[in-house]
Amino acid sequence: MLPWSIFSRQAPGGDSEPEPESEPSGRQLSDEALVEDLLTAVASARSFQEFRRSQRKESFGLQRWLQLVLPLIQEIREIGPSLTDDAYRRLALLGRAFHAARRLLRCCHDGSKIFLALESEAMLGRFRAVYEKMNLALDGMPYSEIGISDEVKEQVELINAQLKRCKKRSDTQDMELSMDFMMILENKEDGNADRAILERLAKKLELQSLADLRAETMAIKKLINERNGQQPESTKHIIELLNKFKEIAGIDEKNILGDVSIPKYLEKCPSLMIPNEFLCPISLEIMTDPVIIASGRTYERRSIQKWLDAGQRTCPKTQQPLAHLSLAPNFAVKNLILQWCENNTVEIQMGESEAIAEQEDRKEDIPKLVKDLSSVHLDVQRKAAKKIRTLSKENPENRALVIENGGLPALISLVSYPDKKIQENTVTALLNLSIDETSKVLIAKGGALPLIIEVLRNGSVEGQENSAATLFSLSMIDENKAAIGVLGGIAPLVALLRDGTIRGKKDAATALFNLMLNHPNKFRAIEAGIVAALLKILNNKKLDMIDEALSIFLLLASHPGCRSEVGTTSFVEILVQITKEGTPKNKECALSVLLELGLHNNSLMVHALGLGLQEHLSDIAKTGLGCDHQ
């Protein structure tokens, strides 16, 4: 038996894998509470920004699936649910799937890297189990009883068809990684060979720096505490590997149970529940005075100052040389930490009386800044718009104060102002305000859409990019999708996709994908020349936007009225080429489009097979590319 197979039936955290769940019985929550619980679970699952390398691809893939299902839940909330028993049961099952996804993503976000790598095969099984739960819940969803629109129904049914393929994935472990683990755990004699393998493993698992190894030590310590003496053999292997990684890194810490102390203010917190973004990468403690350095990374002021005082001139996390040594307070992260601590009854000494006072002063400035937006002096207007842009990005309280003090009409009135900088700052301020759901409706009702579209057509480069991002944010509301299309927003987005900067192209692609969930907008996009623009992107690999382009092509191919525009032999040839030479994500997206086209036109599939597609299908199936949409 291979040494790592002792982990094969353990769930992350040391617990055994749970038995399959039975279907929920009865109504434990009201209809409204159930829908809110679904939205909260998805938001929590999507909040994680980074994952352990061994599960990174699967984790981002799962987040994308959750994002795609979200419009269904949002529309149910907007309708005001009055659910039949069947609809309630399906949504309750979906809730179980969402919560399972959230637990799984948290584990992949901050669990032990060594444990997760050893457990990779079982982890793939857990991802497949989540997809199976989602598929079970969505299969047979009574859309007509709930009152779901045809476009959302069509999108979810397409998603569900893809989920069925996800359940059948045949992913396997990284065999080189598995063999390296086997060699290390079995080989006790050849130290030189061990060191080469260990260095390769440390690089793969990102366990080379002091900060990474300290974080791994804390994660393993938590794992050991949770196991409470269970699985002693596997625990021994994990500790043995950790100590070997410390040894090659030159760290003389052997006693895992005593080398890292957990701060008192965290002792009552649930295991591994603190967001990584709140921990200083150096001290691994919650930051009380977070600052941003030249590399853009955030650290605790005391820790990074010690680093710099020791003569270091690189970023501790990225090793990037620092262009300057200035430290800028990160008020946004500080506010998030304070809010999290309050919600979780965690008491910490922030040491930030001056910062709090400064923050209060900034809030008191908002009414004056709103008033300055209407000043007769251009310079005053510029400064006010720029300041509100900054404040509206920091926290919900600032955004609420801008709205309460009449800032929204004032900002909208300035969007059409001929000064380019004012345009940029007001459009970006509206983008920040649109983070809050209620503001999305208010901005549209306030007459901002045609003004934003005009900046998209004729504004500065930054103005155009941020206008596209704003339209994407506003298009999360279905009525805004339709309005943006009617007001002529599709054509300038296609123009930005075709001619914009890399950032502009990405913003345009994101906005267009969301807007084209509205069927009339698909036709508007075709009339604006989106097919040619997307083909141009497919031919430019440097843009790294093949997945985005293919995702939009899939929307077009899935609609009967648009299918003929993309269902050509020349396009099929491009898709087959991508399945041969593209990245795993490229290949999966290309195959999805080919499948959609082939289901409705056999001659196109015959043409693809004639180009040698068949010989690549078995390899693709083995590499497990079944659910990696962008």
Foldseek 3Di string as FASTA:
>chain_A
DFLLCVCAQADFLRHGDDDDDDFDDDDPDDPLVLLVLLVVLLVLLLPQDAFFLLCGLLSVLVNVLSVLLVLVSVVLNVVPFDDDPLLSRLSVLLSVLSNLSSVLSLCRRQAQLLSCLSHVVNSLVSSLVSLVSNLVSLVPNPCVRSVHDPLSNLSVVLSSVLSVLLNVFQADHPVLLSVLLRCLVPDDPPPVVVLVSLVVNCVSRVPQAPLNLVSNLLNLLSSCVSNVPPPVSVNVSVLVSSVVSCVSNPHPDNPSNPPDDDDPLCPPPPPSPDRQLQAFSQNRDGALWWWAFQVRHIHRPVVVVVVVVVVDQADRVPRHGGPDGDTHTQLLSNVVVVVVCVVRVGDDDSPPPVVVVVVVVLLVCLLVLLVQLPDPDPVSVLVSLQSLLVQLQRDPVSLVSCVVSPNLLSLLVQCQPPDQSSVLSSLSSLQSSLVDPVSLVVNVVSVNLLSLLVCLQDGDLSSVLSSLLSLQSSLSDVVSLVVNVVSPNQLSLLVQLQDHDLSSVVSSLSNLLSSVSPPVSLVVNVVSPNVVSLVVVLVDCVSVCLLSSLSNLLSQLQDVVRVVVQLDLVNLVSLLVCLVDPDLQNNQSSVSNQVSSCVVPVVSVVSSVVVVSVVSVVVSSHNRSSRSHD
